[in-house]
Amino acid sequence: MSYSKEERIQRHRDADRRWKEKDPEHARLLGLQRAARAYQKDPEKFRQRSAKFRKEYPEKVKKTLSNWEHEHKEERLRYKAEYRRTHKKTITLYREKNPDKFKVFKQNRRAREVQAIGSFTAKQWRDLCDRYNNKCLGCGKKRKLTADHVVPLSKGGTNRISNIQPLCGSCNSKKGTKTTDFRKAHNVKPNHK
């Protein structure tokens, strides 16, 4: 019996489908190995394809990553703990070289823990401090500045840069959980980004 080219292709597809249904785990492993070999032959081609896909389908990528992170939560926590344990020196050096970024990271993390809305970047924080000549808005002195929430997070304030004012540690502690906007006295409008 002789088959046409289209029939041979279809018969091959059917046999391949039946094999995958019979042993899906083995088929998945072979598919991963095949993909790894193809990547090793031409990694740049795959990087470009991946970048193009991420650009064209950002929501799909975000959802996939979110699902993966949710499914591997314990694994991620173990990995992060192990990384912190084995890379203490690297982490310490990074924090010393990037104190503004680390401050902002801590501030944003604290806000996430209390489920506050918004976040701000190290650049936004530096720009805010520069706007007030790197002086504390409470006492007017040039000191080490901290990001103070005008409306405290505990009272429903956001963690957006528009709710942040630079205060020294002492003034920030004195203010506590009061809603005090020191920016008004400096005639500079808050940045509402």
Protein backbone atom coordinates (compact mmCIF):
# COMPACT_ATOMS: atom_id res chain seq x y z
CA MET A 1 0.00 0.00 0.00
CA SER A 2 1.38 3.36 -1.00
CA TYR A 3 0.62 6.57 0.92
CA SER A 4 0.80 10.13 -0.33
CA LYS A 5 3.17 12.57 1.31
CA GLU A 6 0.32 14.25 3.24
CA GLU A 7 -0.95 10.87 4.46
CA ARG A 8 2.54 9.85 5.65
CA ILE A 9 2.88 13.15 7.54
CA GLN A 10 -0.54 12.68 9.16
CA ARG A 11 0.23 9.04 10.10
CA HIS A 12 3.50 10.19 11.69
CA ARG A 13 1.70 12.93 13.65
CA ASP A 14 -0.92 10.45 14.87
CA ALA A 15 1.74 7.97 16.00
CA ASP A 16 3.66 10.77 17.74
CA ARG A 17 0.48 11.93 19.53
CA ARG A 18 -0.34 8.37 20.67
CA TRP A 19 3.22 7.93 21.99
CA LYS A 20 3.03 11.22 23.93
CA GLU A 21 -0.31 10.22 25.43
CA LYS A 22 1.11 6.82 26.44
CA ASP A 23 4.19 8.24 28.22
CA PRO A 24 3.76 12.03 28.74
CA GLU A 25 6.60 12.41 31.28
CA HIS A 26 9.15 10.75 28.98
CA ALA A 27 7.91 12.86 26.06
CA ARG A 28 8.27 16.02 28.17
CA LEU A 29 11.85 15.13 29.15
CA LEU A 30 12.81 14.40 25.55
CA GLY A 31 11.27 17.71 24.49
CA LEU A 32 13.33 19.56 27.11
CA GLN A 33 16.51 17.78 25.99
CA ARG A 34 15.77 18.61 22.35
CA ALA A 35 15.19 22.26 23.26
CA ALA A 36 18.44 22.39 25.28
CA ARG A 37 20.45 20.99 22.35
CA ALA A 38 18.87 23.50 19.95
CA TYR A 39 19.65 26.35 22.39
CA GLN A 40 23.30 25.26 22.65
CA LYS A 41 23.65 25.33 18.86
CA ASP A 42 22.42 28.93 18.52
CA PRO A 43 21.75 30.68 21.88
CA GLU A 44 21.47 34.15 20.34
CA LYS A 45 18.57 33.03 18.15
CA PHE A 46 16.69 31.86 21.25
CA ARG A 47 17.49 35.02 23.21
CA GLN A 48 16.08 37.14 20.42
CA ARG A 49 12.99 34.95 20.14
CA SER A 50 12.49 35.13 23.90
CA ALA A 51 12.93 38.93 23.98
CA LYS A 52 10.45 39.31 21.13
CA PHE A 53 7.91 37.11 22.92
CA ARG A 54 8.30 39.04 26.21
CA LYS A 55 7.80 42.32 24.35
CA GLU A 56 4.73 41.11 22.42
CA TYR A 57 3.02 39.29 25.31
CA PRO A 58 4.01 41.02 28.60
CA GLU A 59 0.78 40.05 30.40
CA LYS A 60 1.18 36.38 29.46
CA VAL A 61 4.79 36.42 30.70
CA LYS A 62 3.75 38.16 33.92
CA LYS A 63 1.01 35.59 34.54
CA THR A 64 3.34 32.66 33.83
CA LEU A 65 6.00 34.03 36.19
CA SER A 66 3.43 34.71 38.86
CA ASN A 67 2.08 31.16 38.58
CA TRP A 68 5.59 29.70 38.72
CA GLU A 69 6.48 31.79 41.78
CA HIS A 70 3.28 30.71 43.53
CA GLU A 71 3.86 27.01 42.74
CA HIS A 72 7.52 27.15 43.87
CA LYS A 73 7.17 29.44 46.89
CA GLU A 74 8.95 27.15 49.37
CA GLU A 75 11.73 26.39 46.90
CA ARG A 76 12.27 30.12 46.26
CA LEU A 77 12.39 30.87 50.00
CA ARG A 78 14.99 28.12 50.54
CA TYR A 79 17.05 29.39 47.60
CA LYS A 80 16.97 33.00 48.86
CA ALA A 81 17.93 31.93 52.39
CA GLU A 82 20.82 29.84 51.04
CA TYR A 83 21.95 32.70 48.79
CA ARG A 84 21.95 35.16 51.71
CA ARG A 85 23.90 32.65 53.81
CA THR A 86 26.55 31.95 51.15
CA HIS A 87 26.89 35.49 49.71
CA LYS A 88 27.05 37.66 52.84
CA LYS A 89 30.14 39.52 51.63
CA THR A 90 28.64 40.27 48.20
CA ILE A 91 25.39 41.48 49.75
CA THR A 92 27.24 43.67 52.28
CA LEU A 93 29.39 45.23 49.53
CA TYR A 94 26.31 45.93 47.41
CA ARG A 95 24.55 47.60 50.34
CA GLU A 96 27.61 49.74 51.07
CA LYS A 97 27.95 50.80 47.42
CA ASN A 98 24.21 51.47 46.99
CA PRO A 99 22.87 52.84 50.29
CA ASP A 100 20.01 54.75 48.61
CA LYS A 101 18.81 51.67 46.72
CA PHE A 102 18.97 49.59 49.88
CA LYS A 103 17.03 52.18 51.89
CA VAL A 104 14.33 52.29 49.23
CA PHE A 105 14.24 48.49 49.06
CA LYS A 106 13.68 48.29 52.83
CA GLN A 107 11.03 51.02 52.70
CA ASN A 108 9.14 49.34 49.85
CA ARG A 109 9.35 45.95 51.55
CA ARG A 110 7.96 47.39 54.79
CA ALA A 111 5.11 48.95 52.80
CA ARG A 112 4.33 45.64 51.08
CA GLU A 113 4.22 43.90 54.46
CA VAL A 114 1.45 46.25 55.63
CA GLN A 115 -0.17 46.02 52.17
CA ALA A 116 0.25 49.73 51.41
CA ILE A 117 -0.33 50.90 47.85
CA GLY A 118 2.56 52.13 45.70
CA SER A 119 6.34 52.18 45.72
CA PHE A 120 9.16 54.53 44.77
CA THR A 121 12.61 54.17 43.24
CA ALA A 122 16.05 55.16 44.50
CA LYS A 123 16.20 57.82 41.75
CA GLN A 124 12.89 59.32 42.87
CA TRP A 125 14.19 59.40 46.47
CA ARG A 126 17.46 61.11 45.41
CA ASP A 127 15.53 63.63 43.30
CA LEU A 128 13.25 64.39 46.26
CA CYS A 129 16.22 64.95 48.57
CA ASP A 130 17.91 67.15 45.95
CA ARG A 131 14.72 69.24 45.64
CA TYR A 132 15.12 70.17 49.31
CA ASN A 133 18.92 70.62 49.11
CA ASN A 134 19.46 67.38 51.05
CA LYS A 135 18.19 69.02 54.24
CA CYS A 136 15.76 67.67 56.79
CA LEU A 137 12.38 69.36 56.35
CA GLY A 138 11.77 69.21 60.09
CA CYS A 139 14.88 70.90 61.51
CA GLY A 140 16.43 72.27 58.30
CA LYS A 141 19.83 70.66 59.01
CA LYS A 142 21.98 68.65 56.60
CA ARG A 143 21.85 65.21 58.17
CA LYS A 144 21.43 61.63 57.10
CA LEU A 145 17.88 61.59 55.70
CA THR A 146 15.16 59.01 56.06
CA ALA A 147 12.01 58.59 53.97
CA ASP A 148 9.07 59.68 56.10
CA HIS A 149 5.47 59.01 55.10
CA VAL A 150 3.46 62.24 55.42
CA VAL A 151 0.34 60.16 56.03
CA PRO A 152 1.75 57.15 57.92
CA LEU A 153 1.30 53.68 56.47
CA SER A 154 -0.43 52.70 59.71
CA LYS A 155 -3.12 55.31 58.97
CA GLY A 156 -3.69 54.20 55.38
CA GLY A 157 -1.03 56.34 53.69
CA THR A 158 0.45 55.23 50.38
CA ASN A 159 4.06 54.37 49.68
CA ARG A 160 4.17 56.60 46.61
CA ILE A 161 6.81 59.31 46.33
CA SER A 162 4.02 61.91 46.60
CA ASN A 163 3.51 60.82 50.24
CA ILE A 164 7.24 60.87 51.14
CA GLN A 165 9.22 63.69 52.72
CA PRO A 166 12.91 63.67 53.72
CA LEU A 167 13.44 63.91 57.49
CA CYS A 168 16.44 63.18 59.67
CA GLY A 169 16.09 60.21 62.01
CA SER A 170 15.46 62.43 65.02
CA CYS A 171 12.65 64.44 63.37
CA ASN A 172 11.14 61.28 61.92
CA SER A 173 11.04 59.72 65.39
CA LYS A 174 9.53 62.86 66.91
CA LYS A 175 6.82 62.94 64.25
CA GLY A 176 5.95 59.31 64.94
CA THR A 177 2.53 58.38 63.53
CA LYS A 178 1.23 61.95 63.28
CA THR A 179 0.17 63.30 59.91
CA THR A 180 2.49 66.28 59.53
CA ASP A 181 3.42 67.71 56.13
CA PHE A 182 6.67 69.67 56.51
CA ARG A 183 6.77 70.26 52.74
CA LYS A 184 4.18 73.04 52.95
CA ALA A 185 6.60 75.30 54.84
CA HIS A 186 9.15 74.99 52.01
CA ASN A 187 6.85 76.18 49.19
CA VAL A 188 7.69 73.18 47.00
CA LYS A 189 4.76 71.25 45.63
CA PRO A 190 4.85 67.49 46.21
CA ASN A 191 5.66 65.39 43.17
CA HIS A 192 2.52 63.43 42.26
CA LYS A 193 4.03 60.73 40.03
